[in-house]
Amino acid sequence: MEDQGRIYDYFDDYSPYMEIDLIKLADGDPISSEQPICVHLFKCRECGFDLQKTITIQ
Protein backbone atom coordinates (compact mmCIF):
# COMPACT_ATOMS: atom_id res chain seq x y z
CA MET A 1 0.00 0.00 0.00
CA GLU A 2 1.32 3.39 -0.98
CA ASP A 3 0.35 6.62 0.81
CA GLN A 4 -1.41 8.94 -1.65
CA GLY A 5 -1.72 11.85 0.82
CA ARG A 6 -4.63 13.48 2.60
CA ILE A 7 -8.09 12.27 1.59
CA TYR A 8 -9.25 15.89 1.77
CA ASP A 9 -7.01 16.74 -1.20
CA TYR A 10 -9.29 14.66 -3.43
CA PHE A 11 -12.54 16.51 -2.61
CA ASP A 12 -12.21 19.02 -5.49
CA ASP A 13 -9.65 21.00 -7.50
CA TYR A 14 -8.94 23.56 -4.75
CA SER A 15 -8.90 21.24 -1.73
CA PRO A 16 -5.10 20.72 -1.71
CA TYR A 17 -4.65 24.48 -1.26
CA MET A 18 -7.10 24.94 1.62
CA GLU A 19 -6.08 25.12 5.26
CA ILE A 20 -6.37 21.68 6.87
CA ASP A 21 -8.49 22.96 9.80
CA LEU A 22 -10.98 24.46 7.36
CA ILE A 23 -11.22 21.45 5.05
CA LYS A 24 -11.65 19.09 8.02
CA LEU A 25 -15.00 20.79 8.68
CA ALA A 26 -16.31 19.28 5.41
CA ASP A 27 -16.26 15.71 6.74
CA GLY A 28 -19.42 16.21 8.81
CA ASP A 29 -17.69 15.49 12.12
CA PRO A 30 -17.56 18.69 14.20
CA ILE A 31 -14.95 17.23 16.54
CA SER A 32 -12.46 16.09 13.87
CA SER A 33 -11.02 19.58 13.43
CA GLU A 34 -10.13 19.63 17.13
CA GLN A 35 -8.29 16.30 17.09
CA PRO A 36 -4.67 15.78 15.99
CA ILE A 37 -5.60 13.33 13.22
CA CYS A 38 -5.47 13.31 9.45
CA VAL A 39 -7.17 10.82 7.11
CA HIS A 40 -4.91 9.60 4.31
CA LEU A 41 -5.66 7.56 1.20
CA PHE A 42 -3.58 4.43 0.67
CA LYS A 43 -3.61 2.57 -2.66
CA CYS A 44 -2.23 -0.79 -3.73
CA ARG A 45 0.04 -0.51 -6.77
CA GLU A 46 -0.77 -4.04 -7.93
CA CYS A 47 -4.57 -4.27 -7.73
CA GLY A 48 -5.69 -0.63 -7.30
CA PHE A 49 -7.52 -1.28 -4.01
CA ASP A 50 -7.72 1.86 -1.90
CA LEU A 51 -8.13 2.33 1.83
CA GLN A 52 -8.65 5.31 4.10
CA LYS A 53 -6.51 5.32 7.23
CA THR A 54 -6.42 7.76 10.12
CA ILE A 55 -2.95 9.04 10.99
CA THR A 56 -2.16 10.72 14.30
CA ILE A 57 -0.32 14.02 13.86
CA GLN A 58 2.55 14.41 16.29
PDB file of N, CA and C in Angstrom:
ATOM      1  N   MET A   1       0.845  -1.180   0.000  1.00  0.00           N
ATOM      2  CA  MET A   1       0.000   0.000   0.000  1.00  0.00           C
ATOM      3  C   MET A   1       0.889   1.242   0.000  1.00  0.00           C
ATOM      4  N   GLU A   2       0.557   2.157  -0.849  1.00  0.00           N
ATOM      5  CA  GLU A   2       1.325   3.391  -0.977  1.00  0.00           C
ATOM      6  C   GLU A   2       0.471   4.577  -0.531  1.00  0.00           C
ATOM      7  N   ASP A   3       1.050   5.433   0.301  1.00  0.00           N
ATOM      8  CA  ASP A   3       0.350   6.617   0.809  1.00  0.00           C
ATOM      9  C   ASP A   3       0.168   7.628  -0.319  1.00  0.00           C
ATOM     10  N   GLN A   4      -1.085   7.993  -0.595  1.00  0.00           N
ATOM     11  CA  GLN A   4      -1.415   8.945  -1.648  1.00  0.00           C
ATOM     12  C   GLN A   4      -1.649  10.354  -1.106  1.00  0.00           C
ATOM     13  N   GLY A   5      -1.529  10.528   0.213  1.00  0.00           N
ATOM     14  CA  GLY A   5      -1.715  11.845   0.817  1.00  0.00           C
ATOM     15  C   GLY A   5      -3.075  11.984   1.489  1.00  0.00           C
ATOM     16  N   ARG A   6      -3.386  13.199   1.866  1.00  0.00           N
ATOM     17  CA  ARG A   6      -4.626  13.478   2.604  1.00  0.00           C
ATOM     18  C   ARG A   6      -5.854  13.200   1.737  1.00  0.00           C
ATOM     19  N   ILE A   7      -6.848  12.547   2.310  1.00  0.00           N
ATOM     20  CA  ILE A   7      -8.086  12.266   1.591  1.00  0.00           C
ATOM     21  C   ILE A   7      -8.791  13.569   1.217  1.00  0.00           C
ATOM     22  N   TYR A   8      -8.612  14.596   2.024  1.00  0.00           N
ATOM     23  CA  TYR A   8      -9.253  15.887   1.771  1.00  0.00           C
ATOM     24  C   TYR A   8      -8.767  16.518   0.461  1.00  0.00           C
ATOM     25  N   ASP A   9      -7.564  16.172   0.037  1.00  0.00           N
ATOM     26  CA  ASP A   9      -7.006  16.736  -1.195  1.00  0.00           C
ATOM     27  C   ASP A   9      -7.751  16.264  -2.444  1.00  0.00           C
ATOM     28  N   TYR A  10      -8.564  15.220  -2.301  1.00  0.00           N
ATOM     29  CA  TYR A  10      -9.292  14.663  -3.431  1.00  0.00           C
ATOM     30  C   TYR A  10     -10.738  15.148  -3.509  1.00  0.00           C
ATOM     31  N   PHE A  11     -11.153  16.030  -2.608  1.00  0.00           N
ATOM     32  CA  PHE A  11     -12.537  16.514  -2.611  1.00  0.00           C
ATOM     33  C   PHE A  11     -12.859  17.312  -3.871  1.00  0.00           C
ATOM     34  N   ASP A  12     -12.016  18.240  -4.259  1.00  0.00           N
ATOM     35  CA  ASP A  12     -12.207  19.021  -5.486  1.00  0.00           C
ATOM     36  C   ASP A  12     -10.870  19.644  -5.903  1.00  0.00           C
ATOM     37  N   ASP A  13     -10.891  20.445  -6.946  1.00  0.00           N
ATOM     38  CA  ASP A  13      -9.646  20.999  -7.495  1.00  0.00           C
ATOM     39  C   ASP A  13      -8.882  21.911  -6.540  1.00  0.00           C
ATOM     40  N   TYR A  14      -9.593  22.588  -5.640  1.00  0.00           N
ATOM     41  CA  TYR A  14      -8.943  23.558  -4.753  1.00  0.00           C
ATOM     42  C   TYR A  14      -8.640  23.002  -3.360  1.00  0.00           C
ATOM     43  N   SER A  15      -9.098  21.817  -3.058  1.00  0.00           N
ATOM     44  CA  SER A  15      -8.897  21.235  -1.732  1.00  0.00           C
ATOM     45  C   SER A  15      -7.439  21.157  -1.291  1.00  0.00           C
ATOM     46  N   PRO A  16      -6.493  20.796  -2.163  1.00  0.00           N
ATOM     47  CA  PRO A  16      -5.100  20.722  -1.711  1.00  0.00           C
ATOM     48  C   PRO A  16      -4.528  22.060  -1.235  1.00  0.00           C
ATOM     49  N   TYR A  17      -5.168  23.149  -1.605  1.00  0.00           N
ATOM     50  CA  TYR A  17      -4.653  24.477  -1.264  1.00  0.00           C
ATOM     51  C   TYR A  17      -5.349  25.105  -0.060  1.00  0.00           C
ATOM     52  N   MET A  18      -6.348  24.405   0.478  1.00  0.00           N
ATOM     53  CA  MET A  18      -7.099  24.944   1.623  1.00  0.00           C
ATOM     54  C   MET A  18      -6.401  24.580   2.932  1.00  0.00           C
ATOM     55  N   GLU A  19      -6.616  25.403   3.939  1.00  0.00           N
ATOM     56  CA  GLU A  19      -6.079  25.116   5.264  1.00  0.00           C
ATOM     57  C   GLU A  19      -6.704  23.826   5.796  1.00  0.00           C
ATOM     58  N   ILE A  20      -5.898  22.981   6.408  1.00  0.00           N
ATOM     59  CA  ILE A  20      -6.374  21.681   6.874  1.00  0.00           C
ATOM     60  C   ILE A  20      -7.505  21.822   7.892  1.00  0.00           C
ATOM     61  N   ASP A  21      -7.427  22.802   8.790  1.00  0.00           N
ATOM     62  CA  ASP A  21      -8.488  22.959   9.795  1.00  0.00           C
ATOM     63  C   ASP A  21      -9.813  23.362   9.160  1.00  0.00           C
ATOM     64  N   LEU A  22      -9.763  24.070   8.064  1.00  0.00           N
ATOM     65  CA  LEU A  22     -10.980  24.456   7.361  1.00  0.00           C
ATOM     66  C   LEU A  22     -11.564  23.281   6.579  1.00  0.00           C
ATOM     67  N   ILE A  23     -10.738  22.555   5.869  1.00  0.00           N
ATOM     68  CA  ILE A  23     -11.223  21.447   5.054  1.00  0.00           C
ATOM     69  C   ILE A  23     -11.723  20.289   5.917  1.00  0.00           C
ATOM     70  N   LYS A  24     -11.187  20.142   7.129  1.00  0.00           N
ATOM     71  CA  LYS A  24     -11.649  19.088   8.019  1.00  0.00           C
ATOM     72  C   LYS A  24     -13.095  19.309   8.456  1.00  0.00           C
ATOM     73  N   LEU A  25     -13.604  20.519   8.342  1.00  0.00           N
ATOM     74  CA  LEU A  25     -15.001  20.789   8.682  1.00  0.00           C
ATOM     75  C   LEU A  25     -15.953  20.164   7.666  1.00  0.00           C
ATOM     76  N   ALA A  26     -15.469  19.829   6.480  1.00  0.00           N
ATOM     77  CA  ALA A  26     -16.311  19.278   5.415  1.00  0.00           C
ATOM     78  C   ALA A  26     -16.638  17.805   5.607  1.00  0.00           C
ATOM     79  N   ASP A  27     -16.008  17.139   6.577  1.00  0.00           N
ATOM     80  CA  ASP A  27     -16.258  15.711   6.742  1.00  0.00           C
ATOM     81  C   ASP A  27     -17.509  15.402   7.553  1.00  0.00           C
ATOM     82  N   GLY A  28     -18.181  16.419   8.070  1.00  0.00           N
ATOM     83  CA  GLY A  28     -19.420  16.211   8.814  1.00  0.00           C
ATOM     84  C   GLY A  28     -19.220  15.905  10.288  1.00  0.00           C
ATOM     85  N   ASP A  29     -17.986  15.764  10.718  1.00  0.00           N
ATOM     86  CA  ASP A  29     -17.686  15.488  12.121  1.00  0.00           C
ATOM     87  C   ASP A  29     -17.164  16.765  12.764  1.00  0.00           C
ATOM     88  N   PRO A  30     -17.983  17.417  13.619  1.00  0.00           N
ATOM     89  CA  PRO A  30     -17.562  18.688  14.199  1.00  0.00           C
ATOM     90  C   PRO A  30     -16.359  18.586  15.131  1.00  0.00           C
ATOM     91  N   ILE A  31     -16.055  17.408  15.606  1.00  0.00           N
ATOM     92  CA  ILE A  31     -14.947  17.231  16.542  1.00  0.00           C
ATOM     93  C   ILE A  31     -13.626  16.949  15.814  1.00  0.00           C
ATOM     94  N   SER A  32     -13.685  16.497  14.569  1.00  0.00           N
ATOM     95  CA  SER A  32     -12.457  16.093  13.871  1.00  0.00           C
ATOM     96  C   SER A  32     -11.453  17.229  13.714  1.00  0.00           C
ATOM     97  N   SER A  33     -11.943  18.455  13.587  1.00  0.00           N
ATOM     98  CA  SER A  33     -11.015  19.577  13.430  1.00  0.00           C
ATOM     99  C   SER A  33     -10.280  19.904  14.718  1.00  0.00           C
ATOM    100  N   GLU A  34     -10.767  19.380  15.839  1.00  0.00           N
ATOM    101  CA  GLU A  34     -10.130  19.627  17.132  1.00  0.00           C
ATOM    102  C   GLU A  34      -9.149  18.525  17.515  1.00  0.00           C
ATOM    103  N   GLN A  35      -9.143  17.433  16.772  1.00  0.00           N
ATOM    104  CA  GLN A  35      -8.288  16.299  17.093  1.00  0.00           C
ATOM    105  C   GLN A  35      -7.037  16.301  16.222  1.00  0.00           C
ATOM    106  N   PRO A  36      -5.922  15.812  16.767  1.00  0.00           N
ATOM    107  CA  PRO A  36      -4.665  15.780  15.995  1.00  0.00           C
ATOM    108  C   PRO A  36      -4.597  14.566  15.071  1.00  0.00           C
ATOM    109  N   ILE A  37      -5.566  14.456  14.148  1.00  0.00           N
ATOM    110  CA  ILE A  37      -5.602  13.333  13.217  1.00  0.00           C
ATOM    111  C   ILE A  37      -5.732  13.846  11.784  1.00  0.00           C
ATOM    112  N   CYS A  38      -5.349  12.989  10.863  1.00  0.00           N
ATOM    113  CA  CYS A  38      -5.472  13.308   9.449  1.00  0.00           C
ATOM    114  C   CYS A  38      -5.797  11.995   8.728  1.00  0.00           C
ATOM    115  N   VAL A  39      -6.799  12.009   7.856  1.00  0.00           N
ATOM    116  CA  VAL A  39      -7.174  10.815   7.114  1.00  0.00           C
ATOM    117  C   VAL A  39      -6.421  10.814   5.783  1.00  0.00           C
ATOM    118  N   HIS A  40      -5.690   9.748   5.537  1.00  0.00           N
ATOM    119  CA  HIS A  40      -4.913   9.604   4.308  1.00  0.00           C
ATOM    120  C   HIS A  40      -5.495   8.488   3.447  1.00  0.00           C
ATOM    121  N   LEU A  41      -5.246   8.584   2.155  1.00  0.00           N
ATOM    122  CA  LEU A  41      -5.660   7.561   1.201  1.00  0.00           C
ATOM    123  C   LEU A  41      -4.455   6.690   0.880  1.00  0.00           C
ATOM    124  N   PHE A  42      -4.617   5.394   1.022  1.00  0.00           N
ATOM    125  CA  PHE A  42      -3.579   4.427   0.666  1.00  0.00           C
ATOM    126  C   PHE A  42      -4.087   3.595  -0.495  1.00  0.00           C
ATOM    127  N   LYS A  43      -3.215   3.311  -1.466  1.00  0.00           N
ATOM    128  CA  LYS A  43      -3.613   2.574  -2.660  1.00  0.00           C
ATOM    129  C   LYS A  43      -2.594   1.486  -2.975  1.00  0.00           C
ATOM    130  N   CYS A  44      -3.095   0.328  -3.345  1.00  0.00           N
ATOM    131  CA  CYS A  44      -2.235  -0.787  -3.731  1.00  0.00           C
ATOM    132  C   CYS A  44      -1.792  -0.597  -5.176  1.00  0.00           C
ATOM    133  N   ARG A  45      -0.498  -0.678  -5.413  1.00  0.00           N
ATOM    134  CA  ARG A  45       0.036  -0.514  -6.771  1.00  0.00           C
ATOM    135  C   ARG A  45      -0.349  -1.675  -7.690  1.00  0.00           C
ATOM    136  N   GLU A  46      -0.522  -2.849  -7.116  1.00  0.00           N
ATOM    137  CA  GLU A  46      -0.775  -4.035  -7.928  1.00  0.00           C
ATOM    138  C   GLU A  46      -2.235  -4.181  -8.354  1.00  0.00           C
ATOM    139  N   CYS A  47      -3.165  -4.005  -7.413  1.00  0.00           N
ATOM    140  CA  CYS A  47      -4.570  -4.267  -7.734  1.00  0.00           C
ATOM    141  C   CYS A  47      -5.437  -3.004  -7.779  1.00  0.00           C
ATOM    142  N   GLY A  48      -4.924  -1.867  -7.277  1.00  0.00           N
ATOM    143  CA  GLY A  48      -5.686  -0.625  -7.303  1.00  0.00           C
ATOM    144  C   GLY A  48      -6.632  -0.441  -6.123  1.00  0.00           C
ATOM    145  N   PHE A  49      -6.679  -1.397  -5.199  1.00  0.00           N
ATOM    146  CA  PHE A  49      -7.524  -1.281  -4.013  1.00  0.00           C
ATOM    147  C   PHE A  49      -7.093  -0.064  -3.212  1.00  0.00           C
ATOM    148  N   ASP A  50      -8.076   0.717  -2.734  1.00  0.00           N
ATOM    149  CA  ASP A  50      -7.716   1.864  -1.898  1.00  0.00           C
ATOM    150  C   ASP A  50      -8.371   1.759  -0.532  1.00  0.00           C
ATOM    151  N   LEU A  51      -7.742   2.409   0.434  1.00  0.00           N
ATOM    152  CA  LEU A  51      -8.128   2.325   1.828  1.00  0.00           C
ATOM    153  C   LEU A  51      -7.886   3.663   2.491  1.00  0.00           C
ATOM    154  N   GLN A  52      -8.824   4.082   3.325  1.00  0.00           N
ATOM    155  CA  GLN A  52      -8.650   5.314   4.102  1.00  0.00           C
ATOM    156  C   GLN A  52      -8.124   4.919   5.485  1.00  0.00           C
ATOM    157  N   LYS A  53      -7.097   5.625   5.931  1.00  0.00           N
ATOM    158  CA  LYS A  53      -6.514   5.319   7.233  1.00  0.00           C
ATOM    159  C   LYS A  53      -6.269   6.609   7.998  1.00  0.00           C
ATOM    160  N   THR A  54      -6.626   6.601   9.263  1.00  0.00           N
ATOM    161  CA  THR A  54      -6.421   7.761  10.124  1.00  0.00           C
ATOM    162  C   THR A  54      -5.000   7.755  10.669  1.00  0.00           C
ATOM    163  N   ILE A  55      -4.324   8.875  10.521  1.00  0.00           N
ATOM    164  CA  ILE A  55      -2.952   9.039  10.992  1.00  0.00           C
ATOM    165  C   ILE A  55      -2.948  10.079  12.111  1.00  0.00           C
ATOM    166  N   THR A  56      -2.277   9.779  13.187  1.00  0.00           N
ATOM    167  CA  THR A  56      -2.160  10.721  14.295  1.00  0.00           C
ATOM    168  C   THR A  56      -1.018  11.693  14.006  1.00  0.00           C
ATOM    169  N   ILE A  57      -1.318  12.978  14.097  1.00  0.00           N
ATOM    170  CA  ILE A  57      -0.321  14.021  13.861  1.00  0.00           C
ATOM    171  C   ILE A  57       0.435  14.268  15.162  1.00  0.00           C
ATOM    172  N   GLN A  58       1.748  14.252  15.078  1.00  0.00           N
ATOM    173  CA  GLN A  58       2.550  14.412  16.289  1.00  0.00           C
ATOM    174  C   GLN A  58       3.243  15.752  16.300  1.00  0.00           C
TER     175      GLN A  58
END
